[in-house]
Amino acid sequence: MVMFARHYGSSSQPVTRLLIVISIFWIGACSSADYRQTPLSDLPGRDLTLRIEGDVRAVQLYRKGLMDILLYIDTHPNLFPQRKQTGTTVLREEQRHAARAVYRSFLDYMLALESIDHYHRDFYRLPGSAREDSLLITYSAFLARYRFAMAFIERMEKEPAFDTMLNEQYPELGIPSDSYAALKYRFLHIGRATGFVAFNTLYKAHPGERRPVLRQAIENDRDYVWDAGKWDGPMMTMQNAVAIVQSSGQSAWMPVQAGVAEWMGDTKVLRLGRALINEQQIHTLSAQMQPGDFMLQRREWYLSNIGLPGFWSHAALYIGTAQKRAAYFDDPAVKQWVRSRGITSGDFNEMLQRHFPEAYRRSLEPESDHIPQVLEAMSEGVVFTSMEHSAAADSVAALRPDVSVLEKAQAIYRAFSFAGRPYDFNFDFRTDAELVCTELIYKAYEPRVGYGGIKIPLVEMLGRYTLPANEYARLFDSEYGGTDQQLELIAFLDGIESRGSAIQGGLAEFRESWKRPKWHILTQNAMRRSIADDYVYQSNRADDLLLPDLYAY
């Protein structure tokens, strides 16, 4: 028997209500879209290697994100009490704001880790070292969620008022009311402990030195879990352990992807299957855009900007082709400015080439036979991409800053200076050494002496100032029709999953788009299935059983 040593929350919450809430967390596929990934065991050799390497990095990154959340809580005792509070407390507005912010980010990281864990539950089907790597990935993702869920709950339970507040609805994430109660039910359930023991049995059967960083994280998180509970049960056989681990991976919070191609805002990838925006729509959009415009983008089924809220997950700067820039910036004010920078011809492209020779060379290199027209920050850094690649998304909005042609030239010039810099996985706007997608646009158009630019406030998240892409849509909505409107909507391609395509969205729809939940796809005709028996193995599939030679190398 496995016993859990701690108890949180009240028994007054009806179990049936919890099951209803939990069932919303476990959501199946949309009827019209096949988002399913290629099974891990079916990936060809190179793809499997890339996937494993990406997921190893992603687990470490998401685990660090959860650690940062706890650190923020622990270093702000004025917001989060360090000792158990008694009596009735009315939370201050700053406490409510902070608690909502940490909870949103916490859920985001948990969903990301869950998707990785879920995908690697077929680790035992892999050959050789890939099997061990995959086991370490799924166990580390499982343990990180288990450990940090307990740690988060422990901290929140010190203030009873947080219990009520965190059970409110979070529409920006698509999370229903009573989600915190469901979280406690899932991670403090006895079945979670059973899964832990099963995983630990498998882990001990794979001693070695592979993936030392993952192993260290596993051992740290495992020690925390051991200290939090009392375990007194029968010796678990290897066969039972695999069965329990496999069955507990049948359900996931959200049907999202994870891995090397999708982690942390990397949008330079093809959607599984195809994008909702087709090639003709991309060509039409490209013809509508002018250098200095920028796009807000969204891809369904992909993890993006984990830890940051919002429907719009990516932003990219449209720079146009060299020919398009030459025509657009054939402007007296631009020519005068270029000459003042030492280029006697007054040619803007010549200035870019002279001042940023390597970046300019890369901006001309074809990408799959397409000329780059976009500069964007992705996981591999600040890179030039084609419209055919960048805009191959599920929803795209093109926005035009209400600034002069000269200011657009200056914005592109500044953006070129950032080309080649690494991606900022900390989403910290205080440094120019690394950039996140919106940071490229923010700093290109950042107001300064003699330059109006775009005025948009940064958002404080867990002590850092950043700017989710969603804020540009929010800014447009808040300023629209006023004398201070800074952005013009050029086009809005709105992906409709049930149709398998994107349609031309209207102004009203775009103005409301920033209010959509981050996991918006779940609200588009999602087929919801009730909670699976997450902790009891009930499969009758023969190939789910442990084969006799499973651990024979």
Protein backbone atom coordinates (compact mmCIF):
# COMPACT_ATOMS: atom_id res chain seq x y z
CA MET A 1 0.00 0.00 0.00
CA VAL A 2 1.27 3.47 -0.81
CA MET A 3 0.38 6.20 1.62
CA PHE A 4 0.69 9.95 1.14
CA ALA A 5 1.81 11.85 4.19
CA ARG A 6 0.31 15.28 3.52
CA HIS A 7 -3.22 16.54 3.12
CA TYR A 8 -4.28 19.77 1.49
CA GLY A 9 -7.61 21.38 0.87
CA SER A 10 -11.09 20.65 2.02
CA SER A 11 -13.25 17.59 1.56
CA SER A 12 -16.24 19.86 1.04
CA GLN A 13 -15.52 20.06 -2.69
CA PRO A 14 -17.69 17.35 -4.29
CA VAL A 15 -15.64 14.70 -6.00
CA THR A 16 -18.07 14.63 -8.91
CA ARG A 17 -17.43 18.30 -9.58
CA LEU A 18 -13.70 17.68 -9.52
CA LEU A 19 -14.08 14.89 -12.03
CA ILE A 20 -16.02 17.19 -14.34
CA VAL A 21 -13.29 19.83 -14.11
CA ILE A 22 -10.53 17.30 -14.59
CA SER A 23 -12.28 15.91 -17.63
CA ILE A 24 -11.98 19.33 -19.24
CA PHE A 25 -8.22 19.14 -18.70
CA TRP A 26 -8.03 15.86 -20.61
CA ILE A 27 -9.23 16.87 -24.05
CA GLY A 28 -9.14 14.83 -27.20
CA ALA A 29 -8.69 15.74 -30.82
CA CYS A 30 -10.75 18.09 -32.92
CA SER A 31 -12.92 16.06 -35.22
CA SER A 32 -11.60 17.64 -38.39
CA ALA A 33 -7.89 17.84 -37.69
CA ASP A 34 -5.26 15.19 -37.29
CA TYR A 35 -2.80 16.67 -34.82
CA ARG A 36 -1.34 13.31 -33.85
CA GLN A 37 2.40 13.08 -33.85
CA THR A 38 4.34 10.29 -35.46
CA PRO A 39 4.80 7.70 -32.70
CA LEU A 40 8.20 7.96 -31.10
CA SER A 41 9.12 4.44 -32.15
CA ASP A 42 8.28 5.23 -35.80
CA LEU A 43 10.63 8.19 -36.12
CA PRO A 44 13.58 7.59 -38.47
CA GLY A 45 17.01 7.59 -36.89
CA ARG A 46 18.01 11.22 -37.42
CA ASP A 47 14.57 12.55 -36.50
CA LEU A 48 14.56 10.44 -33.35
CA THR A 49 17.97 11.80 -32.36
CA LEU A 50 16.88 15.39 -32.96
CA ARG A 51 13.66 14.82 -31.06
CA ILE A 52 15.45 13.36 -28.06
CA GLU A 53 18.03 16.16 -27.98
CA GLY A 54 15.30 18.78 -28.21
CA ASP A 55 13.21 17.21 -25.48
CA VAL A 56 16.22 16.89 -23.18
CA ARG A 57 16.80 20.64 -23.54
CA ALA A 58 13.11 21.43 -23.22
CA VAL A 59 12.69 19.49 -19.96
CA GLN A 60 15.62 21.36 -18.45
CA LEU A 61 14.25 24.68 -19.63
CA TYR A 62 10.71 24.09 -18.36
CA ARG A 63 11.98 22.73 -15.05
CA LYS A 64 14.02 25.90 -14.61
CA GLY A 65 10.89 27.91 -15.33
CA LEU A 66 9.09 26.16 -12.48
CA MET A 67 12.05 26.74 -10.19
CA ASP A 68 11.98 30.44 -11.05
CA ILE A 69 8.30 30.58 -10.13
CA LEU A 70 8.97 29.10 -6.69
CA LEU A 71 11.93 31.43 -6.23
CA TYR A 72 9.71 34.40 -7.02
CA ILE A 73 7.14 33.22 -4.47
CA ASP A 74 9.77 32.64 -1.79
CA THR A 75 11.44 36.02 -2.30
CA HIS A 76 8.20 38.02 -2.10
CA PRO A 77 6.85 37.41 1.41
CA ASN A 78 4.82 40.61 1.16
CA LEU A 79 2.76 38.89 -1.53
CA PHE A 80 2.98 35.24 -0.54
CA PRO A 81 2.92 34.49 3.22
CA GLN A 82 5.72 32.26 4.46
CA ARG A 83 3.65 30.81 7.30
CA LYS A 84 0.17 29.35 7.44
CA GLN A 85 -2.43 32.12 7.78
CA THR A 86 -5.50 31.73 9.95
CA GLY A 87 -8.81 33.52 9.91
CA THR A 88 -10.42 35.34 7.02
CA THR A 89 -8.13 37.27 4.71
CA VAL A 90 -9.02 39.75 2.01
CA LEU A 91 -6.27 39.65 -0.57
CA ARG A 92 -4.79 42.94 -1.68
CA GLU A 93 -4.98 43.68 -5.39
CA GLU A 94 -1.21 43.31 -5.76
CA GLN A 95 -1.46 39.86 -4.17
CA ARG A 96 -4.24 38.82 -6.54
CA HIS A 97 -2.28 40.09 -9.53
CA ALA A 98 0.88 38.26 -8.46
CA ALA A 99 -0.95 35.02 -7.69
CA ARG A 100 -2.72 35.05 -11.05
CA ALA A 101 0.56 35.70 -12.85
CA VAL A 102 2.45 32.87 -11.18
CA TYR A 103 -0.47 30.47 -11.62
CA ARG A 104 -0.77 31.21 -15.34
CA SER A 105 2.93 30.61 -15.87
CA PHE A 106 2.90 27.57 -13.61
CA LEU A 107 0.12 25.92 -15.63
CA ASP A 108 1.89 26.73 -18.88
CA TYR A 109 5.09 24.99 -17.80
CA MET A 110 3.14 22.05 -16.39
CA LEU A 111 1.27 21.59 -19.68
CA ALA A 112 4.54 21.71 -21.61
CA LEU A 113 6.16 19.08 -19.41
CA GLU A 114 3.05 16.93 -19.59
CA SER A 115 3.15 16.88 -23.38
CA ILE A 116 6.77 15.72 -23.33
CA ASP A 117 6.09 13.10 -20.67
CA HIS A 118 3.06 11.84 -22.57
CA TYR A 119 4.92 11.50 -25.86
CA HIS A 120 7.78 9.48 -24.36
CA ARG A 121 5.63 6.92 -22.56
CA ASP A 122 6.40 4.49 -25.40
CA PHE A 123 10.09 4.59 -24.50
CA TYR A 124 10.20 0.81 -24.11
CA ARG A 125 9.60 0.35 -27.85
CA LEU A 126 12.88 2.09 -28.72
CA PRO A 127 16.19 0.33 -29.32
CA GLY A 128 19.40 0.64 -27.34
CA SER A 129 20.46 3.97 -25.90
CA ALA A 130 17.41 5.77 -27.32
CA ARG A 131 15.25 3.72 -24.96
CA GLU A 132 17.26 4.85 -21.96
CA ASP A 133 17.25 8.48 -23.11
CA SER A 134 13.50 8.43 -23.62
CA LEU A 135 12.94 6.86 -20.21
CA LEU A 136 15.05 9.59 -18.61
CA ILE A 137 13.05 12.25 -20.47
CA THR A 138 9.63 10.94 -19.47
CA TYR A 139 10.68 10.26 -15.87
CA SER A 140 12.29 13.68 -15.46
CA ALA A 141 9.19 15.38 -16.92
CA PHE A 142 6.94 13.30 -14.64
CA LEU A 143 9.05 14.03 -11.56
CA ALA A 144 9.36 17.75 -12.28
CA ARG A 145 5.59 18.06 -12.51
CA TYR A 146 5.09 15.97 -9.39
CA ARG A 147 7.69 17.79 -7.33
CA PHE A 148 6.80 21.31 -8.36
CA ALA A 149 3.06 20.68 -8.12
CA MET A 150 3.52 19.63 -4.50
CA ALA A 151 5.83 22.56 -3.81
CA PHE A 152 3.47 25.04 -5.46
CA ILE A 153 0.44 23.68 -3.61
CA GLU A 154 2.31 23.78 -0.32
CA ARG A 155 3.07 27.47 -0.79
CA MET A 156 -0.40 28.43 -1.94
CA GLU A 157 -2.06 26.60 0.96
CA LYS A 158 -0.36 28.94 3.42
CA GLU A 159 -2.93 31.56 2.43
CA PRO A 160 -6.47 30.07 2.35
CA ALA A 161 -7.71 32.99 0.26
CA PHE A 162 -5.50 31.81 -2.62
CA ASP A 163 -7.52 28.60 -2.77
CA THR A 164 -10.65 30.51 -3.73
CA MET A 165 -8.87 32.87 -6.08
CA LEU A 166 -6.95 30.19 -8.00
CA ASN A 167 -10.17 28.27 -8.58
CA GLU A 168 -11.52 31.16 -10.63
CA GLN A 169 -11.83 30.81 -14.39
CA TYR A 170 -8.80 31.76 -16.52
CA PRO A 171 -10.21 32.44 -20.01
CA GLU A 172 -6.83 33.56 -21.42
CA LEU A 173 -5.58 30.00 -20.88
CA GLY A 174 -8.84 28.25 -21.59
CA ILE A 175 -8.80 26.96 -18.02
CA PRO A 176 -12.20 26.50 -16.36
CA SER A 177 -13.14 27.29 -12.79
CA ASP A 178 -12.03 24.89 -10.05
CA SER A 179 -8.78 24.13 -11.89
CA TYR A 180 -6.73 24.47 -8.71
CA ALA A 181 -8.93 21.92 -6.94
CA ALA A 182 -8.47 19.61 -9.92
CA LEU A 183 -4.71 20.17 -9.79
CA LYS A 184 -4.62 19.15 -6.14
CA TYR A 185 -6.78 16.13 -6.80
CA ARG A 186 -4.51 14.92 -9.56
CA PHE A 187 -1.12 15.48 -7.98
CA LEU A 188 -2.04 14.54 -4.42
CA HIS A 189 -3.97 11.46 -5.50
CA ILE A 190 -2.65 8.11 -4.31
CA GLY A 191 -2.32 7.00 -7.92
CA ARG A 192 0.33 9.63 -8.52
CA ALA A 193 2.42 7.99 -5.82
CA THR A 194 1.95 4.61 -7.48
CA GLY A 195 3.24 6.03 -10.75
CA PHE A 196 6.22 7.47 -8.90
CA VAL A 197 7.18 4.09 -7.45
CA ALA A 198 6.75 2.47 -10.87
CA PHE A 199 9.00 5.02 -12.55
CA ASN A 200 11.59 4.69 -9.82
CA THR A 201 11.67 0.92 -10.34
CA LEU A 202 12.39 1.43 -14.04
CA TYR A 203 14.97 4.10 -13.34
CA LYS A 204 16.93 1.87 -10.99
CA ALA A 205 17.00 -0.78 -13.70
CA HIS A 206 18.86 1.65 -15.95
CA PRO A 207 21.92 2.76 -13.98
CA GLY A 208 24.55 4.53 -16.00
CA GLU A 209 26.16 7.82 -16.91
CA ARG A 210 24.05 8.87 -19.88
CA ARG A 211 22.42 12.30 -19.63
CA PRO A 212 24.05 13.36 -16.35
CA VAL A 213 22.11 16.64 -16.20
CA LEU A 214 18.79 14.82 -16.47
CA ARG A 215 19.90 12.23 -13.93
CA GLN A 216 20.85 14.96 -11.47
CA ALA A 217 17.46 16.63 -11.91
CA ILE A 218 15.73 13.27 -11.45
CA GLU A 219 17.59 12.56 -8.25
CA ASN A 220 16.94 16.03 -6.85
CA ASP A 221 13.24 15.85 -7.62
CA ARG A 222 13.00 12.25 -6.46
CA ASP A 223 14.55 13.15 -3.10
CA TYR A 224 12.00 15.93 -2.68
CA VAL A 225 9.13 13.56 -3.41
CA TRP A 226 10.51 10.90 -1.06
CA ASP A 227 10.79 13.47 1.72
CA ALA A 228 7.21 14.59 1.10
CA GLY A 229 5.64 11.15 1.45
CA LYS A 230 5.83 7.82 3.19
CA TRP A 231 6.11 4.83 0.94
CA ASP A 232 5.30 1.37 2.24
CA GLY A 233 4.36 -1.06 -0.47
CA PRO A 234 5.20 -4.34 -2.09
CA MET A 235 8.23 -4.72 -4.30
CA MET A 236 7.18 -3.72 -7.78
CA THR A 237 8.09 -6.03 -10.64
CA MET A 238 9.52 -4.62 -13.84
CA GLN A 239 6.49 -5.77 -15.79
CA ASN A 240 4.03 -4.05 -13.45
CA ALA A 241 6.14 -0.90 -13.50
CA VAL A 242 6.06 -0.61 -17.28
CA ALA A 243 2.33 -1.30 -17.31
CA ILE A 244 1.58 1.40 -14.75
CA VAL A 245 3.84 3.96 -16.41
CA GLN A 246 2.34 3.23 -19.83
CA SER A 247 -1.24 3.48 -18.61
CA SER A 248 -0.67 6.70 -16.69
CA GLY A 249 0.46 8.32 -19.91
CA GLN A 250 -2.74 7.72 -21.82
CA SER A 251 -4.20 11.09 -20.87
CA ALA A 252 -2.74 14.55 -21.21
CA TRP A 253 -3.94 17.94 -20.08
CA MET A 254 -3.87 19.40 -23.52
CA PRO A 255 -3.26 17.91 -26.99
CA VAL A 256 -0.17 19.99 -27.69
CA GLN A 257 3.13 19.06 -29.23
CA ALA A 258 6.58 19.25 -27.71
CA GLY A 259 10.08 18.62 -28.87
CA VAL A 260 13.00 19.99 -30.78
CA ALA A 261 10.84 21.46 -33.55
CA GLU A 262 8.35 23.13 -31.26
CA TRP A 263 9.96 24.16 -27.99
CA MET A 264 10.08 27.75 -26.76
CA GLY A 265 8.72 29.80 -29.61
CA ASP A 266 10.52 28.08 -32.47
CA THR A 267 8.08 28.84 -35.26
CA LYS A 268 10.37 28.11 -38.18
CA VAL A 269 8.80 24.70 -38.58
CA LEU A 270 5.96 23.23 -40.57
CA ARG A 271 2.74 22.44 -38.79
CA LEU A 272 2.17 18.71 -38.61
CA GLY A 273 0.21 17.94 -41.75
CA ARG A 274 -0.11 21.48 -43.10
CA ALA A 275 -0.71 25.04 -42.03
CA LEU A 276 -4.23 26.43 -42.16
CA ILE A 277 -2.95 29.40 -44.18
CA ASN A 278 -2.26 28.28 -47.75
CA GLU A 279 0.42 29.39 -50.18
CA GLN A 280 -1.89 31.60 -52.22
CA GLN A 281 -2.96 33.46 -49.09
CA ILE A 282 0.70 33.97 -48.21
CA HIS A 283 1.46 35.42 -51.65
CA THR A 284 -1.53 37.76 -51.38
CA LEU A 285 -0.45 38.83 -47.91
CA SER A 286 3.11 39.44 -49.06
CA ALA A 287 1.86 41.72 -51.85
CA GLN A 288 -0.14 43.75 -49.32
CA MET A 289 2.75 44.33 -46.95
CA GLN A 290 5.32 47.11 -46.93
CA PRO A 291 8.81 47.08 -45.40
CA GLY A 292 8.50 47.96 -41.74
CA ASP A 293 5.18 46.14 -41.23
CA PHE A 294 5.14 43.25 -38.80
CA MET A 295 3.11 40.10 -38.33
CA LEU A 296 1.53 38.48 -35.31
CA GLN A 297 1.43 34.73 -35.79
CA ARG A 298 -0.08 31.67 -34.19
CA ARG A 299 0.37 27.96 -34.74
CA GLU A 300 -2.00 25.46 -33.19
CA TRP A 301 -0.75 22.26 -31.54
CA TYR A 302 2.70 23.73 -30.93
CA LEU A 303 4.22 24.75 -27.65
CA SER A 304 5.27 28.36 -27.93
CA ASN A 305 6.65 30.89 -25.49
CA ILE A 306 6.02 28.69 -22.49
CA GLY A 307 5.46 30.83 -19.42
CA LEU A 308 3.93 33.73 -21.36
CA PRO A 309 0.17 34.10 -21.77
CA GLY A 310 -1.81 35.06 -24.84
CA PHE A 311 -3.38 33.85 -28.08
CA TRP A 312 -0.75 35.46 -30.32
CA SER A 313 2.50 33.64 -29.65
CA HIS A 314 4.97 35.01 -32.20
CA ALA A 315 5.86 38.23 -33.97
CA ALA A 316 8.00 38.77 -37.08
CA LEU A 317 9.27 41.90 -38.83
CA TYR A 318 8.60 42.27 -42.55
CA ILE A 319 11.65 43.76 -44.29
CA GLY A 320 10.69 42.93 -47.89
CA THR A 321 13.07 41.93 -50.66
CA ALA A 322 15.97 44.17 -51.66
CA GLN A 323 13.97 45.27 -54.71
CA LYS A 324 10.91 46.10 -52.62
CA ARG A 325 13.02 48.08 -50.15
CA ALA A 326 14.72 49.99 -52.99
CA ALA A 327 11.35 51.13 -54.33
CA TYR A 328 9.74 51.85 -50.97
CA PHE A 329 12.66 53.77 -49.50
CA ASP A 330 13.22 55.88 -52.61
CA ASP A 331 12.22 58.80 -50.43
CA PRO A 332 13.90 62.20 -49.99
CA ALA A 333 13.98 62.02 -46.19
CA VAL A 334 15.43 58.51 -46.27
CA LYS A 335 18.06 59.47 -48.84
CA GLN A 336 19.11 62.47 -46.76
CA TRP A 337 19.44 60.32 -43.64
CA VAL A 338 21.44 57.66 -45.52
CA ARG A 339 23.82 60.30 -46.85
CA SER A 340 24.27 61.63 -43.32
CA ARG A 341 25.49 58.13 -42.39
CA GLY A 342 28.28 58.24 -44.98
CA ILE A 343 26.58 56.66 -48.01
CA THR A 344 26.82 59.31 -50.71
CA SER A 345 24.43 57.50 -53.07
CA GLY A 346 21.62 57.80 -50.54
CA ASP A 347 20.71 54.16 -51.24
CA PHE A 348 19.25 52.43 -48.19
CA ASN A 349 20.22 48.92 -49.30
CA GLU A 350 23.79 50.01 -49.87
CA MET A 351 23.91 51.33 -46.31
CA LEU A 352 22.63 48.02 -44.95
CA GLN A 353 25.22 46.15 -47.01
CA ARG A 354 28.09 48.43 -45.95
CA HIS A 355 27.19 48.58 -42.26
CA PHE A 356 26.04 44.97 -41.80
CA PRO A 357 27.80 42.96 -44.54
CA GLU A 358 27.27 39.49 -43.03
CA ALA A 359 23.63 40.12 -42.16
CA TYR A 360 22.97 41.57 -45.59
CA ARG A 361 24.56 38.55 -47.26
CA ARG A 362 22.31 36.21 -45.26
CA SER A 363 19.26 38.31 -46.15
CA LEU A 364 19.79 37.44 -49.82
CA GLU A 365 20.29 33.69 -49.40
CA PRO A 366 17.29 31.76 -50.77
CA GLU A 367 15.37 29.53 -48.39
CA SER A 368 13.89 26.56 -50.26
CA ASP A 369 14.05 28.65 -53.46
CA HIS A 370 12.31 31.61 -51.79
CA ILE A 371 13.97 34.96 -51.09
CA PRO A 372 13.86 36.04 -47.41
CA GLN A 373 11.50 38.90 -46.66
CA VAL A 374 11.22 38.50 -42.89
CA LEU A 375 13.53 39.03 -39.93
CA GLU A 376 12.46 37.22 -36.77
CA ALA A 377 13.80 35.87 -33.48
CA MET A 378 13.39 32.13 -33.03
CA SER A 379 15.11 29.45 -30.99
CA GLU A 380 18.12 29.42 -33.34
CA GLY A 381 18.46 33.19 -32.99
CA VAL A 382 17.56 36.29 -35.00
CA VAL A 383 17.35 34.99 -38.58
CA PHE A 384 16.12 35.90 -42.05
CA THR A 385 13.25 33.79 -43.40
CA SER A 386 10.94 33.77 -46.39
CA MET A 387 7.27 34.69 -46.24
CA GLU A 388 6.48 31.20 -47.51
CA HIS A 389 8.10 29.81 -44.38
CA SER A 390 7.34 32.44 -41.76
CA ALA A 391 3.68 32.97 -42.65
CA ALA A 392 2.96 29.23 -42.98
CA ALA A 393 0.97 29.46 -39.79
CA ASP A 394 -2.62 28.94 -38.67
CA SER A 395 -3.49 32.58 -37.96
CA VAL A 396 -1.62 35.73 -39.00
CA ALA A 397 -2.32 39.43 -38.54
CA ALA A 398 -0.32 42.04 -40.46
CA LEU A 399 0.08 45.40 -38.71
CA ARG A 400 1.50 48.66 -40.02
CA PRO A 401 3.03 51.22 -37.66
CA ASP A 402 1.70 54.75 -38.15
CA VAL A 403 5.15 56.28 -38.58
CA SER A 404 6.99 57.97 -41.43
CA VAL A 405 8.85 56.12 -44.17
CA LEU A 406 12.07 57.40 -42.60
CA GLU A 407 11.19 55.91 -39.23
CA LYS A 408 10.47 52.57 -40.88
CA ALA A 409 13.87 52.65 -42.57
CA GLN A 410 15.48 53.41 -39.23
CA ALA A 411 13.56 50.54 -37.61
CA ILE A 412 14.77 48.07 -40.25
CA TYR A 413 18.31 49.42 -39.92
CA ARG A 414 18.21 48.83 -36.18
CA ALA A 415 16.71 45.37 -36.69
CA PHE A 416 19.57 44.43 -39.04
CA SER A 417 21.98 45.26 -36.21
CA PHE A 418 20.41 42.45 -34.17
CA ALA A 419 20.65 39.79 -36.91
CA GLY A 420 22.53 36.71 -35.74
CA ARG A 421 22.06 37.32 -32.03
CA PRO A 422 20.83 34.39 -29.92
CA TYR A 423 17.27 33.86 -28.74
CA ASP A 424 16.40 35.10 -25.25
CA PHE A 425 14.90 32.13 -23.45
CA ASN A 426 14.53 34.23 -20.30
CA PHE A 427 12.25 36.77 -22.05
CA ASP A 428 14.23 39.55 -20.38
CA PHE A 429 14.14 42.91 -22.17
CA ARG A 430 16.89 44.43 -20.03
CA THR A 431 19.66 43.21 -22.34
CA ASP A 432 20.28 43.39 -26.10
CA ALA A 433 22.64 40.40 -26.09
CA GLU A 434 19.74 37.99 -26.63
CA LEU A 435 16.32 38.72 -28.11
CA VAL A 436 12.87 37.17 -28.05
CA CYS A 437 10.55 37.61 -31.05
CA THR A 438 8.66 40.65 -29.80
CA GLU A 439 11.85 42.18 -28.45
CA LEU A 440 13.17 42.53 -31.99
CA ILE A 441 10.14 44.60 -33.00
CA TYR A 442 10.01 46.47 -29.70
CA LYS A 443 13.64 47.57 -29.95
CA ALA A 444 13.45 48.31 -33.66
CA TYR A 445 10.60 50.76 -33.00
CA GLU A 446 11.60 51.77 -29.48
CA PRO A 447 11.02 55.53 -28.92
CA ARG A 448 14.16 57.55 -28.33
CA VAL A 449 15.38 61.11 -28.76
CA GLY A 450 14.37 62.25 -32.23
CA TYR A 451 12.46 59.05 -32.93
CA GLY A 452 8.76 58.60 -32.19
CA GLY A 453 8.48 54.86 -32.80
CA ILE A 454 5.78 52.72 -31.16
CA LYS A 455 4.91 53.34 -27.54
CA ILE A 456 3.88 50.11 -25.85
CA PRO A 457 4.31 49.31 -22.14
CA LEU A 458 6.26 46.27 -21.08
CA VAL A 459 4.61 43.66 -18.90
CA GLU A 460 6.10 42.59 -15.58
CA MET A 461 6.10 38.84 -15.15
CA LEU A 462 7.73 37.25 -12.12
CA GLY A 463 9.99 40.23 -11.63
CA ARG A 464 11.06 40.50 -15.28
CA TYR A 465 9.85 42.97 -17.86
CA THR A 466 8.83 41.37 -21.12
CA LEU A 467 6.32 41.79 -23.94
CA PRO A 468 4.10 38.90 -25.10
CA ALA A 469 3.08 39.18 -28.75
CA ASN A 470 -0.50 39.35 -27.56
CA GLU A 471 0.16 42.84 -26.19
CA TYR A 472 0.39 44.30 -29.70
CA ALA A 473 -3.13 43.06 -30.45
CA ARG A 474 -4.29 44.43 -27.11
CA LEU A 475 -2.64 47.77 -27.93
CA PHE A 476 -4.40 47.93 -31.29
CA ASP A 477 -7.76 47.21 -29.69
CA SER A 478 -7.32 49.78 -26.92
CA GLU A 479 -6.23 52.57 -29.28
CA TYR A 480 -8.45 51.86 -32.28
CA GLY A 481 -10.40 54.88 -33.48
CA GLY A 482 -8.61 57.26 -31.15
CA THR A 483 -6.25 60.08 -31.95
CA ASP A 484 -3.39 58.09 -30.46
CA GLN A 485 -3.83 54.98 -32.65
CA GLN A 486 -0.35 53.72 -33.56
CA LEU A 487 -1.09 50.62 -35.64
CA GLU A 488 -3.16 49.88 -38.74
CA LEU A 489 -4.54 46.42 -39.50
CA ILE A 490 -3.53 45.36 -43.02
CA ALA A 491 -4.84 41.80 -43.02
CA PHE A 492 -6.12 39.15 -40.64
CA LEU A 493 -6.07 35.50 -41.67
CA ASP A 494 -8.03 33.62 -39.04
CA GLY A 495 -7.49 29.87 -38.83
CA ILE A 496 -10.62 27.76 -38.44
CA GLU A 497 -9.66 24.26 -37.42
CA SER A 498 -13.05 22.75 -38.22
CA ARG A 499 -12.70 23.92 -41.83
CA GLY A 500 -9.06 23.00 -42.13
CA SER A 501 -8.27 26.45 -43.53
CA ALA A 502 -7.89 30.12 -42.70
CA ILE A 503 -10.44 32.76 -43.64
CA GLN A 504 -10.17 36.50 -44.09
CA GLY A 505 -11.02 37.78 -40.64
CA GLY A 506 -12.63 41.12 -39.99
CA LEU A 507 -11.64 44.10 -37.91
CA ALA A 508 -14.01 43.21 -35.08
CA GLU A 509 -12.68 39.66 -34.89
CA PHE A 510 -9.09 40.84 -34.73
CA ARG A 511 -9.85 43.36 -32.02
CA GLU A 512 -11.22 40.51 -29.91
CA SER A 513 -8.44 38.05 -30.78
CA TRP A 514 -6.15 39.00 -27.91
CA LYS A 515 -8.86 37.85 -25.50
CA ARG A 516 -8.83 34.30 -26.87
CA PRO A 517 -7.26 31.66 -24.64
CA LYS A 518 -3.71 30.61 -25.31
CA TRP A 519 -4.93 27.08 -26.02
CA HIS A 520 -7.62 28.50 -28.32
CA ILE A 521 -7.86 25.34 -30.40
CA LEU A 522 -9.52 23.63 -27.46
CA THR A 523 -12.56 25.90 -27.83
CA GLN A 524 -12.98 25.21 -31.56
CA ASN A 525 -15.34 22.23 -31.62
CA ALA A 526 -13.06 20.19 -29.38
CA MET A 527 -14.29 16.71 -28.67
CA ARG A 528 -13.96 16.34 -24.96
CA ARG A 529 -13.52 12.96 -23.45
CA SER A 530 -14.08 12.16 -19.80
CA ILE A 531 -11.19 11.52 -17.50
CA ALA A 532 -9.35 8.32 -18.24
CA ASP A 533 -8.58 5.84 -15.52
CA ASP A 534 -5.25 7.58 -15.16
CA TYR A 535 -3.78 5.41 -12.49
CA VAL A 536 -5.14 1.90 -13.08
CA TYR A 537 -3.85 -0.11 -16.01
CA GLN A 538 -6.80 -1.55 -17.89
CA SER A 539 -5.46 -2.04 -21.40
CA ASN A 540 -6.25 -5.24 -23.24
CA ARG A 541 -3.84 -4.51 -26.07
CA ALA A 542 -1.30 -7.31 -26.32
CA ASP A 543 1.47 -4.99 -27.46
CA ASP A 544 1.12 -2.90 -24.30
CA LEU A 545 2.40 -5.83 -22.26
CA LEU A 546 6.05 -6.09 -21.41
CA LEU A 547 7.75 -8.41 -23.85
CA PRO A 548 10.19 -10.94 -22.37
CA ASP A 549 13.19 -9.46 -24.18
CA LEU A 550 12.32 -5.81 -23.57
CA TYR A 551 15.41 -5.18 -21.50
CA ALA A 552 17.70 -7.46 -23.49
CA TYR A 553 20.23 -5.29 -25.27
